[in-house]
PDB file of N, CA and C in Angstrom:
ATOM      1  N   LEU A   1     -32.165  18.899  -8.556  1.00  0.00           N
ATOM      2  CA  LEU A   1     -31.321  18.068  -7.647  1.00  0.00           C
ATOM      3  C   LEU A   1     -30.314  18.983  -6.953  1.00  0.00           C
ATOM      4  N   LYS A   2     -30.769  20.212  -6.630  1.00  0.00           N
ATOM      5  CA  LYS A   2     -29.755  21.091  -5.966  1.00  0.00           C
ATOM      6  C   LYS A   2     -29.666  20.791  -4.444  1.00  0.00           C
ATOM      7  N   GLY A   3     -28.530  21.054  -3.875  1.00  0.00           N
ATOM      8  CA  GLY A   3     -28.342  20.757  -2.486  1.00  0.00           C
ATOM      9  C   GLY A   3     -27.533  21.926  -1.859  1.00  0.00           C
ATOM     10  N   VAL A   4     -27.566  21.944  -0.511  1.00  0.00           N
ATOM     11  CA  VAL A   4     -26.845  22.887   0.311  1.00  0.00           C
ATOM     12  C   VAL A   4     -26.230  22.234   1.473  1.00  0.00           C
ATOM     13  N   GLN A   5     -25.015  22.462   1.832  1.00  0.00           N
ATOM     14  CA  GLN A   5     -24.418  21.809   2.998  1.00  0.00           C
ATOM     15  C   GLN A   5     -23.481  22.885   3.724  1.00  0.00           C
ATOM     16  N   HIS A   6     -23.771  22.962   5.075  1.00  0.00           N
ATOM     17  CA  HIS A   6     -22.992  23.871   5.885  1.00  0.00           C
ATOM     18  C   HIS A   6     -22.017  23.154   6.749  1.00  0.00           C
ATOM     19  N   THR A   7     -20.765  23.662   6.848  1.00  0.00           N
ATOM     20  CA  THR A   7     -19.733  23.004   7.623  1.00  0.00           C
ATOM     21  C   THR A   7     -19.081  24.059   8.403  1.00  0.00           C
ATOM     22  N   ASN A   8     -18.623  23.740   9.662  1.00  0.00           N
ATOM     23  CA  ASN A   8     -17.840  24.667  10.503  1.00  0.00           C
ATOM     24  C   ASN A   8     -16.467  23.970  10.645  1.00  0.00           C
ATOM     25  N   ILE A   9     -15.486  24.695  10.440  1.00  0.00           N
ATOM     26  CA  ILE A   9     -14.037  24.225  10.767  1.00  0.00           C
ATOM     27  C   ILE A   9     -13.530  25.075  11.913  1.00  0.00           C
ATOM     28  N   SER A  10     -13.277  24.420  13.010  1.00  0.00           N
ATOM     29  CA  SER A  10     -12.820  25.139  14.200  1.00  0.00           C
ATOM     30  C   SER A  10     -11.437  24.686  14.694  1.00  0.00           C
ATOM     31  N   SER A  11     -10.479  25.615  14.643  1.00  0.00           N
ATOM     32  CA  SER A  11      -9.118  25.370  15.082  1.00  0.00           C
ATOM     33  C   SER A  11      -8.496  24.082  14.438  1.00  0.00           C
ATOM     34  N   SER A  12      -8.526  24.076  13.231  1.00  0.00           N
ATOM     35  CA  SER A  12      -8.029  22.860  12.518  1.00  0.00           C
ATOM     36  C   SER A  12      -7.311  23.277  11.149  1.00  0.00           C
ATOM     37  N   THR A  13      -6.302  22.420  10.805  1.00  0.00           N
ATOM     38  CA  THR A  13      -5.767  22.588   9.472  1.00  0.00           C
ATOM     39  C   THR A  13      -5.948  21.146   8.758  1.00  0.00           C
ATOM     40  N   SER A  14      -6.817  20.352   9.165  1.00  0.00           N
ATOM     41  CA  SER A  14      -7.088  19.048   8.620  1.00  0.00           C
ATOM     42  C   SER A  14      -8.122  19.207   7.387  1.00  0.00           C
ATOM     43  N   GLU A  15      -7.945  18.474   6.398  1.00  0.00           N
ATOM     44  CA  GLU A  15      -8.870  18.439   5.372  1.00  0.00           C
ATOM     45  C   GLU A  15     -10.266  18.033   5.752  1.00  0.00           C
ATOM     46  N   THR A  16     -11.267  18.754   5.480  1.00  0.00           N
ATOM     47  CA  THR A  16     -12.626  18.616   5.987  1.00  0.00           C
ATOM     48  C   THR A  16     -13.591  18.564   4.844  1.00  0.00           C
ATOM     49  N   THR A  17     -14.464  17.588   4.858  1.00  0.00           N
ATOM     50  CA  THR A  17     -15.511  17.466   3.910  1.00  0.00           C
ATOM     51  C   THR A  17     -16.481  18.616   4.022  1.00  0.00           C
ATOM     52  N   ILE A  18     -16.876  19.279   2.788  1.00  0.00           N
ATOM     53  CA  ILE A  18     -17.833  20.329   2.821  1.00  0.00           C
ATOM     54  C   ILE A  18     -19.001  19.997   1.962  1.00  0.00           C
ATOM     55  N   VAL A  19     -18.851  18.974   1.105  1.00  0.00           N
ATOM     56  CA  VAL A  19     -19.971  18.370   0.323  1.00  0.00           C
ATOM     57  C   VAL A  19     -19.779  16.850   0.372  1.00  0.00           C
ATOM     58  N   THR A  20     -20.800  16.140   0.741  1.00  0.00           N
ATOM     59  CA  THR A  20     -20.655  14.671   0.837  1.00  0.00           C
ATOM     60  C   THR A  20     -20.797  14.114  -0.537  1.00  0.00           C
ATOM     61  N   ALA A  21     -20.117  13.048  -0.843  1.00  0.00           N
ATOM     62  CA  ALA A  21     -20.215  12.380  -2.213  1.00  0.00           C
ATOM     63  C   ALA A  21     -21.630  12.076  -2.582  1.00  0.00           C
ATOM     64  N   GLY A  22     -21.978  12.262  -3.797  1.00  0.00           N
ATOM     65  CA  GLY A  22     -23.283  12.032  -4.322  1.00  0.00           C
ATOM     66  C   GLY A  22     -23.722  10.588  -4.619  1.00  0.00           C
ATOM     67  N   GLY A  23     -22.706   9.663  -4.610  1.00  0.00           N
ATOM     68  CA  GLY A  23     -23.018   8.282  -4.985  1.00  0.00           C
ATOM     69  C   GLY A  23     -22.476   7.881  -6.339  1.00  0.00           C
ATOM     70  N   SER A  24     -22.631   6.657  -6.621  1.00  0.00           N
ATOM     71  CA  SER A  24     -22.076   6.081  -7.895  1.00  0.00           C
ATOM     72  C   SER A  24     -22.656   6.863  -9.160  1.00  0.00           C
ATOM     73  N   GLY A  25     -21.670   7.359  -9.885  1.00  0.00           N
ATOM     74  CA  GLY A  25     -22.106   8.084 -11.223  1.00  0.00           C
ATOM     75  C   GLY A  25     -22.667   9.451 -10.982  1.00  0.00           C
ATOM     76  N   VAL A  26     -22.592   9.955  -9.728  1.00  0.00           N
ATOM     77  CA  VAL A  26     -23.131  11.244  -9.447  1.00  0.00           C
ATOM     78  C   VAL A  26     -21.986  12.278  -9.222  1.00  0.00           C
ATOM     79  N   PHE A  27     -21.987  13.408 -10.042  1.00  0.00           N
ATOM     80  CA  PHE A  27     -21.042  14.500  -9.794  1.00  0.00           C
ATOM     81  C   PHE A  27     -21.806  15.509  -8.947  1.00  0.00           C
ATOM     82  N   CYS A  28     -21.074  16.112  -7.971  1.00  0.00           N
ATOM     83  CA  CYS A  28     -21.669  17.249  -7.217  1.00  0.00           C
ATOM     84  C   CYS A  28     -20.892  18.573  -7.695  1.00  0.00           C
ATOM     85  N   ASP A  29     -21.642  19.274  -8.556  1.00  0.00           N
ATOM     86  CA  ASP A  29     -21.021  20.525  -9.166  1.00  0.00           C
ATOM     87  C   ASP A  29     -21.388  21.746  -8.388  1.00  0.00           C
ATOM     88  N   LEU A  30     -20.307  22.453  -7.986  1.00  0.00           N
ATOM     89  CA  LEU A  30     -20.536  23.720  -7.122  1.00  0.00           C
ATOM     90  C   LEU A  30     -20.988  24.901  -7.929  1.00  0.00           C
ATOM     91  N   TYR A  31     -22.052  25.506  -7.514  1.00  0.00           N
ATOM     92  CA  TYR A  31     -22.422  26.860  -8.137  1.00  0.00           C
ATOM     93  C   TYR A  31     -22.416  27.934  -7.131  1.00  0.00           C
ATOM     94  N   GLY A  32     -22.136  27.673  -5.927  1.00  0.00           N
ATOM     95  CA  GLY A  32     -22.059  28.703  -4.878  1.00  0.00           C
ATOM     96  C   GLY A  32     -21.257  28.257  -3.690  1.00  0.00           C
ATOM     97  N   LEU A  33     -20.422  29.213  -3.153  1.00  0.00           N
ATOM     98  CA  LEU A  33     -19.564  28.875  -2.030  1.00  0.00           C
ATOM     99  C   LEU A  33     -19.448  30.140  -1.211  1.00  0.00           C
ATOM    100  N   VAL A  34     -19.771  30.085   0.121  1.00  0.00           N
ATOM    101  CA  VAL A  34     -19.677  31.202   1.007  1.00  0.00           C
ATOM    102  C   VAL A  34     -18.733  30.750   2.091  1.00  0.00           C
ATOM    103  N   ILE A  35     -17.636  31.485   2.334  1.00  0.00           N
ATOM    104  CA  ILE A  35     -16.648  31.198   3.379  1.00  0.00           C
ATOM    105  C   ILE A  35     -16.600  32.435   4.341  1.00  0.00           C
ATOM    106  N   ASN A  36     -17.015  32.230   5.598  1.00  0.00           N
ATOM    107  CA  ASN A  36     -17.169  33.278   6.566  1.00  0.00           C
ATOM    108  C   ASN A  36     -16.006  32.937   7.664  1.00  0.00           C
ATOM    109  N   ASN A  37     -15.061  33.852   7.759  1.00  0.00           N
ATOM    110  CA  ASN A  37     -13.984  33.746   8.769  1.00  0.00           C
ATOM    111  C   ASN A  37     -14.464  34.596  10.003  1.00  0.00           C
ATOM    112  N   GLN A  38     -14.936  33.841  11.081  1.00  0.00           N
ATOM    113  CA  GLN A  38     -15.356  34.529  12.262  1.00  0.00           C
ATOM    114  C   GLN A  38     -14.233  34.753  13.298  1.00  0.00           C
ATOM    115  N   SER A  39     -13.021  34.430  12.834  1.00  0.00           N
ATOM    116  CA  SER A  39     -11.936  34.598  13.815  1.00  0.00           C
ATOM    117  C   SER A  39     -11.276  35.962  13.644  1.00  0.00           C
ATOM    118  N   ALA A  40     -10.260  36.267  14.497  1.00  0.00           N
ATOM    119  CA  ALA A  40      -9.494  37.549  14.410  1.00  0.00           C
ATOM    120  C   ALA A  40      -8.231  37.389  13.585  1.00  0.00           C
ATOM    121  N   THR A  41      -8.067  36.340  12.864  1.00  0.00           N
ATOM    122  CA  THR A  41      -6.899  36.025  12.143  1.00  0.00           C
ATOM    123  C   THR A  41      -7.235  35.731  10.707  1.00  0.00           C
ATOM    124  N   ALA A  42      -6.545  36.353   9.717  1.00  0.00           N
ATOM    125  CA  ALA A  42      -6.762  35.941   8.305  1.00  0.00           C
ATOM    126  C   ALA A  42      -6.362  34.473   8.076  1.00  0.00           C
ATOM    127  N   CYS A  43      -7.053  33.945   7.039  1.00  0.00           N
ATOM    128  CA  CYS A  43      -6.851  32.522   6.707  1.00  0.00           C
ATOM    129  C   CYS A  43      -6.952  32.258   5.250  1.00  0.00           C
ATOM    130  N   THR A  44      -6.077  31.360   4.705  1.00  0.00           N
ATOM    131  CA  THR A  44      -6.208  30.848   3.374  1.00  0.00           C
ATOM    132  C   THR A  44      -7.001  29.537   3.391  1.00  0.00           C
ATOM    133  N   VAL A  45      -8.058  29.408   2.557  1.00  0.00           N
ATOM    134  CA  VAL A  45      -8.798  28.212   2.573  1.00  0.00           C
ATOM    135  C   VAL A  45      -8.719  27.556   1.157  1.00  0.00           C
ATOM    136  N   THR A  46      -8.220  26.346   1.052  1.00  0.00           N
ATOM    137  CA  THR A  46      -8.062  25.540  -0.147  1.00  0.00           C
ATOM    138  C   THR A  46      -9.215  24.555  -0.332  1.00  0.00           C
ATOM    139  N   ILE A  47      -9.834  24.700  -1.571  1.00  0.00           N
ATOM    140  CA  ILE A  47     -11.046  23.850  -1.835  1.00  0.00           C
ATOM    141  C   ILE A  47     -10.538  22.819  -2.961  1.00  0.00           C
ATOM    142  N   LYS A  48     -10.868  21.519  -2.614  1.00  0.00           N
ATOM    143  CA  LYS A  48     -10.508  20.415  -3.598  1.00  0.00           C
ATOM    144  C   LYS A  48     -11.815  19.701  -3.895  1.00  0.00           C
ATOM    145  N   ASP A  49     -11.812  18.980  -5.121  1.00  0.00           N
ATOM    146  CA  ASP A  49     -12.943  18.309  -5.459  1.00  0.00           C
ATOM    147  C   ASP A  49     -12.911  16.766  -5.220  1.00  0.00           C
ATOM    148  N   ALA A  50     -12.140  16.384  -4.261  1.00  0.00           N
ATOM    149  CA  ALA A  50     -12.108  15.029  -3.712  1.00  0.00           C
ATOM    150  C   ALA A  50     -10.983  15.095  -2.572  1.00  0.00           C
ATOM    151  N   THR A  51     -11.140  14.100  -1.584  1.00  0.00           N
ATOM    152  CA  THR A  51     -10.103  14.021  -0.567  1.00  0.00           C
ATOM    153  C   THR A  51      -8.738  13.746  -1.255  1.00  0.00           C
ATOM    154  N   SER A  52      -7.868  14.587  -0.794  1.00  0.00           N
ATOM    155  CA  SER A  52      -6.540  14.656  -1.446  1.00  0.00           C
ATOM    156  C   SER A  52      -6.546  14.732  -2.939  1.00  0.00           C
ATOM    157  N   GLY A  53      -7.538  15.473  -3.369  1.00  0.00           N
ATOM    158  CA  GLY A  53      -7.634  15.602  -4.803  1.00  0.00           C
ATOM    159  C   GLY A  53      -6.935  16.835  -5.359  1.00  0.00           C
ATOM    160  N   THR A  54      -7.487  17.279  -6.477  1.00  0.00           N
ATOM    161  CA  THR A  54      -6.833  18.582  -7.167  1.00  0.00           C
ATOM    162  C   THR A  54      -7.415  19.799  -6.584  1.00  0.00           C
ATOM    163  N   THR A  55      -6.529  20.699  -6.303  1.00  0.00           N
ATOM    164  CA  THR A  55      -6.908  22.043  -5.827  1.00  0.00           C
ATOM    165  C   THR A  55      -7.746  22.768  -6.875  1.00  0.00           C
ATOM    166  N   ARG A  56      -8.963  23.189  -6.604  1.00  0.00           N
ATOM    167  CA  ARG A  56      -9.859  23.860  -7.567  1.00  0.00           C
ATOM    168  C   ARG A  56      -9.911  25.400  -7.290  1.00  0.00           C
ATOM    169  N   PHE A  57      -9.835  25.784  -5.910  1.00  0.00           N
ATOM    170  CA  PHE A  57      -9.890  27.118  -5.527  1.00  0.00           C
ATOM    171  C   PHE A  57      -9.015  27.379  -4.359  1.00  0.00           C
ATOM    172  N   VAL A  58      -8.479  28.580  -4.231  1.00  0.00           N
ATOM    173  CA  VAL A  58      -7.831  29.018  -2.999  1.00  0.00           C
ATOM    174  C   VAL A  58      -8.347  30.456  -2.629  1.00  0.00           C
ATOM    175  N   PHE A  59      -8.917  30.561  -1.451  1.00  0.00           N
ATOM    176  CA  PHE A  59      -9.517  31.853  -1.044  1.00  0.00           C
ATOM    177  C   PHE A  59      -8.629  32.377   0.035  1.00  0.00           C
ATOM    178  N   SER A  60      -8.299  33.678  -0.012  1.00  0.00           N
ATOM    179  CA  SER A  60      -7.733  34.329   1.126  1.00  0.00           C
ATOM    180  C   SER A  60      -8.922  35.039   1.835  1.00  0.00           C
ATOM    181  N   VAL A  61      -9.195  34.726   3.150  1.00  0.00           N
ATOM    182  CA  VAL A  61     -10.306  35.223   3.772  1.00  0.00           C
ATOM    183  C   VAL A  61      -9.798  36.061   5.007  1.00  0.00           C
ATOM    184  N   PRO A  62      -9.939  37.468   4.876  1.00  0.00           N
ATOM    185  CA  PRO A  62      -9.391  38.226   6.010  1.00  0.00           C
ATOM    186  C   PRO A  62     -10.255  38.010   7.353  1.00  0.00           C
ATOM    187  N   ALA A  63      -9.672  38.362   8.443  1.00  0.00           N
ATOM    188  CA  ALA A  63     -10.382  38.198   9.693  1.00  0.00           C
ATOM    189  C   ALA A  63     -11.653  38.906   9.694  1.00  0.00           C
ATOM    190  N   GLY A  64     -12.776  38.224  10.162  1.00  0.00           N
ATOM    191  CA  GLY A  64     -14.029  38.890  10.330  1.00  0.00           C
ATOM    192  C   GLY A  64     -14.660  39.214   8.924  1.00  0.00           C
ATOM    193  N   ASP A  65     -14.274  38.490   7.901  1.00  0.00           N
ATOM    194  CA  ASP A  65     -14.765  38.835   6.572  1.00  0.00           C
ATOM    195  C   ASP A  65     -15.389  37.551   5.861  1.00  0.00           C
ATOM    196  N   VAL A  66     -15.998  37.772   4.708  1.00  0.00           N
ATOM    197  CA  VAL A  66     -16.556  36.700   3.902  1.00  0.00           C
ATOM    198  C   VAL A  66     -16.039  36.701   2.517  1.00  0.00           C
ATOM    199  N   ARG A  67     -15.761  35.573   1.952  1.00  0.00           N
ATOM    200  CA  ARG A  67     -15.354  35.460   0.597  1.00  0.00           C
ATOM    201  C   ARG A  67     -16.196  34.199  -0.036  1.00  0.00           C
ATOM    202  N   GLY A  68     -16.170  34.106  -1.392  1.00  0.00           N
ATOM    203  CA  GLY A  68     -16.801  33.098  -2.084  1.00  0.00           C
ATOM    204  C   GLY A  68     -17.140  33.462  -3.476  1.00  0.00           C
ATOM    205  N   PHE A  69     -18.218  32.661  -4.006  1.00  0.00           N
ATOM    206  CA  PHE A  69     -18.697  32.994  -5.347  1.00  0.00           C
ATOM    207  C   PHE A  69     -20.014  32.427  -5.513  1.00  0.00           C
ATOM    208  N   MET A  70     -20.805  33.003  -6.494  1.00  0.00           N
ATOM    209  CA  MET A  70     -22.137  32.489  -6.873  1.00  0.00           C
ATOM    210  C   MET A  70     -22.237  32.506  -8.328  1.00  0.00           C
ATOM    211  N   LEU A  71     -22.722  31.436  -8.944  1.00  0.00           N
ATOM    212  CA  LEU A  71     -22.807  31.255 -10.421  1.00  0.00           C
ATOM    213  C   LEU A  71     -24.264  30.772 -10.689  1.00  0.00           C
ATOM    214  N   PRO A  72     -24.670  31.011 -11.898  1.00  0.00           N
ATOM    215  CA  PRO A  72     -25.897  30.345 -12.313  1.00  0.00           C
ATOM    216  C   PRO A  72     -25.767  28.785 -12.213  1.00  0.00           C
ATOM    217  N   GLN A  73     -26.846  28.102 -11.877  1.00  0.00           N
ATOM    218  CA  GLN A  73     -26.757  26.670 -11.725  1.00  0.00           C
ATOM    219  C   GLN A  73     -26.172  26.044 -12.869  1.00  0.00           C
ATOM    220  N   ASP A  74     -26.531  26.395 -14.086  1.00  0.00           N
ATOM    221  CA  ASP A  74     -26.025  25.768 -15.359  1.00  0.00           C
ATOM    222  C   ASP A  74     -24.581  26.120 -15.619  1.00  0.00           C
ATOM    223  N   SER A  75     -23.928  26.987 -14.876  1.00  0.00           N
ATOM    224  CA  SER A  75     -22.495  27.363 -15.099  1.00  0.00           C
ATOM    225  C   SER A  75     -21.691  26.799 -13.883  1.00  0.00           C
ATOM    226  N   ALA A  76     -22.249  25.870 -13.117  1.00  0.00           N
ATOM    227  CA  ALA A  76     -21.484  25.273 -11.944  1.00  0.00           C
ATOM    228  C   ALA A  76     -20.168  24.850 -12.362  1.00  0.00           C
ATOM    229  N   HIS A  77     -19.295  24.976 -11.263  1.00  0.00           N
ATOM    230  CA  HIS A  77     -17.912  24.411 -11.456  1.00  0.00           C
ATOM    231  C   HIS A  77     -17.979  22.840 -11.410  1.00  0.00           C
ATOM    232  N   ILE A  78     -17.568  22.161 -12.426  1.00  0.00           N
ATOM    233  CA  ILE A  78     -17.766  20.744 -12.479  1.00  0.00           C
ATOM    234  C   ILE A  78     -16.754  20.003 -11.606  1.00  0.00           C
ATOM    235  N   GLN A  79     -17.191  18.881 -11.071  1.00  0.00           N
ATOM    236  CA  GLN A  79     -16.385  18.012 -10.319  1.00  0.00           C
ATOM    237  C   GLN A  79     -15.702  17.059 -11.310  1.00  0.00           C
ATOM    238  N   ALA A  80     -14.387  16.759 -11.101  1.00  0.00           N
ATOM    239  CA  ALA A  80     -13.589  15.945 -12.026  1.00  0.00           C
ATOM    240  C   ALA A  80     -14.119  14.550 -12.172  1.00  0.00           C
ATOM    241  N   ALA A  81     -14.457  13.982 -11.095  1.00  0.00           N
ATOM    242  CA  ALA A  81     -14.876  12.555 -10.988  1.00  0.00           C
ATOM    243  C   ALA A  81     -16.116  12.294 -10.130  1.00  0.00           C
ATOM    244  N   SER A  82     -16.956  11.410 -10.491  1.00  0.00           N
ATOM    245  CA  SER A  82     -18.160  11.130  -9.810  1.00  0.00           C
ATOM    246  C   SER A  82     -17.879  10.406  -8.495  1.00  0.00           C
ATOM    247  N   ASN A  83     -18.874  10.388  -7.597  1.00  0.00           N
ATOM    248  CA  ASN A  83     -18.800   9.783  -6.286  1.00  0.00           C
ATOM    249  C   ASN A  83     -17.654  10.238  -5.388  1.00  0.00           C
ATOM    250  N   ASN A  84     -17.397  11.544  -5.456  1.00  0.00           N
ATOM    251  CA  ASN A  84     -16.386  12.164  -4.552  1.00  0.00           C
ATOM    252  C   ASN A  84     -17.022  13.254  -3.796  1.00  0.00           C
ATOM    253  N   ASN A  85     -16.286  13.624  -2.702  1.00  0.00           N
ATOM    254  CA  ASN A  85     -16.713  14.755  -1.896  1.00  0.00           C
ATOM    255  C   ASN A  85     -16.020  16.024  -2.321  1.00  0.00           C
ATOM    256  N   TRP A  86     -16.367  17.159  -1.797  1.00  0.00           N
ATOM    257  CA  TRP A  86     -15.513  18.410  -1.878  1.00  0.00           C
ATOM    258  C   TRP A  86     -15.030  18.674  -0.515  1.00  0.00           C
ATOM    259  N   THR A  87     -13.744  19.197  -0.425  1.00  0.00           N
ATOM    260  CA  THR A  87     -13.173  19.352   0.835  1.00  0.00           C
ATOM    261  C   THR A  87     -12.591  20.785   0.948  1.00  0.00           C
ATOM    262  N   ALA A  88     -12.338  21.177   2.187  1.00  0.00           N
ATOM    263  CA  ALA A  88     -11.751  22.511   2.535  1.00  0.00           C
ATOM    264  C   ALA A  88     -10.579  22.230   3.524  1.00  0.00           C
ATOM    265  N   THR A  89      -9.515  22.999   3.270  1.00  0.00           N
ATOM    266  CA  THR A  89      -8.365  22.907   4.238  1.00  0.00           C
ATOM    267  C   THR A  89      -7.904  24.325   4.596  1.00  0.00           C
ATOM    268  N   CYS A  90      -7.861  24.602   5.848  1.00  0.00           N
ATOM    269  CA  CYS A  90      -7.421  25.917   6.410  1.00  0.00           C
ATOM    270  C   CYS A  90      -5.919  25.922   6.445  1.00  0.00           C
ATOM    271  N   GLY A  91      -5.352  26.982   5.873  1.00  0.00           N
ATOM    272  CA  GLY A  91      -3.898  27.154   5.949  1.00  0.00           C
ATOM    273  C   GLY A  91      -3.338  27.391   7.268  1.00  0.00           C
ATOM    274  N   THR A  92      -4.210  28.079   8.162  1.00  0.00           N
ATOM    275  CA  THR A  92      -3.854  28.425   9.482  1.00  0.00           C
ATOM    276  C   THR A  92      -4.972  27.972  10.398  1.00  0.00           C
ATOM    277  N   SER A  93      -4.690  27.421  11.497  1.00  0.00           N
ATOM    278  CA  SER A  93      -5.664  26.989  12.517  1.00  0.00           C
ATOM    279  C   SER A  93      -6.299  28.294  13.160  1.00  0.00           C
ATOM    280  N   VAL A  94      -7.538  28.563  12.830  1.00  0.00           N
ATOM    281  CA  VAL A  94      -8.271  29.729  13.348  1.00  0.00           C
ATOM    282  C   VAL A  94      -9.485  29.269  14.100  1.00  0.00           C
ATOM    283  N   ALA A  95     -10.022  30.272  14.924  1.00  0.00           N
ATOM    284  CA  ALA A  95     -11.057  29.881  15.821  1.00  0.00           C
ATOM    285  C   ALA A  95     -12.309  29.307  15.042  1.00  0.00           C
ATOM    286  N   SER A  96     -12.714  29.909  13.937  1.00  0.00           N
ATOM    287  CA  SER A  96     -13.964  29.402  13.320  1.00  0.00           C
ATOM    288  C   SER A  96     -14.104  29.896  11.823  1.00  0.00           C
ATOM    289  N   ILE A  97     -14.233  28.904  10.936  1.00  0.00           N
ATOM    290  CA  ILE A  97     -14.492  29.161   9.551  1.00  0.00           C
ATOM    291  C   ILE A  97     -15.759  28.456   9.242  1.00  0.00           C
ATOM    292  N   ASP A  98     -16.771  29.148   8.740  1.00  0.00           N
ATOM    293  CA  ASP A  98     -18.052  28.620   8.363  1.00  0.00           C
ATOM    294  C   ASP A  98     -18.099  28.542   6.842  1.00  0.00           C
ATOM    295  N   ILE A  99     -18.496  27.423   6.307  1.00  0.00           N
ATOM    296  CA  ILE A  99     -18.544  27.277   4.830  1.00  0.00           C
ATOM    297  C   ILE A  99     -19.973  26.786   4.524  1.00  0.00           C
ATOM    298  N   THR A 100     -20.587  27.436   3.500  1.00  0.00           N
ATOM    299  CA  THR A 100     -21.824  26.979   2.965  1.00  0.00           C
ATOM    300  C   THR A 100     -21.590  26.703   1.503  1.00  0.00           C
ATOM    301  N   ALA A 101     -21.886  25.495   1.101  1.00  0.00           N
ATOM    302  CA  ALA A 101     -21.702  25.068  -0.297  1.00  0.00           C
ATOM    303  C   ALA A 101     -23.070  24.766  -0.945  1.00  0.00           C
ATOM    304  N   LEU A 102     -23.269  25.365  -2.104  1.00  0.00           N
ATOM    305  CA  LEU A 102     -24.439  25.154  -2.907  1.00  0.00           C
ATOM    306  C   LEU A 102     -24.011  24.349  -4.111  1.00  0.00           C
ATOM    307  N   PHE A 103     -24.719  23.258  -4.370  1.00  0.00           N
ATOM    308  CA  PHE A 103     -24.312  22.302  -5.385  1.00  0.00           C
ATOM    309  C   PHE A 103     -25.452  21.677  -6.100  1.00  0.00           C
ATOM    310  N   VAL A 104     -25.168  21.129  -7.260  1.00  0.00           N
ATOM    311  CA  VAL A 104     -26.230  20.465  -8.008  1.00  0.00           C
ATOM    312  C   VAL A 104     -25.614  19.083  -8.385  1.00  0.00           C
ATOM    313  N   ASN A 105     -26.463  18.046  -8.236  1.00  0.00           N
ATOM    314  CA  ASN A 105     -26.066  16.654  -8.509  1.00  0.00           C
ATOM    315  C   ASN A 105     -26.331  16.350  -9.961  1.00  0.00           C
ATOM    316  N   ASN A 106     -25.358  15.845 -10.707  1.00  0.00           N
ATOM    317  CA  ASN A 106     -25.427  15.576 -12.066  1.00  0.00           C
ATOM    318  C   ASN A 106     -24.992  14.170 -12.328  1.00  0.00           C
ATOM    319  N   LYS A 107     -25.654  13.515 -13.278  1.00  0.00           N
ATOM    320  CA  LYS A 107     -25.224  12.095 -13.665  1.00  0.00           C
ATOM    321  C   LYS A 107     -24.665  12.218 -15.027  1.00  0.00           C
TER     322      LYS A 107
END
């Protein structure tokens, strides 16, 4: 039950969904995250495990660089509550942040 979702955040500091909620009783656990800053400005990206939820990661992504993590699927970072999305918020409005999230759905 692995999934992958790509999201582009362009010139925004609004909270943006990067993994859509899995449904009732389903947790979307992250085992990989790739954040690509295509802009000429460094940016901090905050990852939460629900809209307005708890901060789980904060990445500093230099201009023109990539940050993230990759774990074995069975070591995925667990989502605190089922039927929630994962979100990203840019600390600075930059031209383009691409985020690829790899997740596994668990009941």
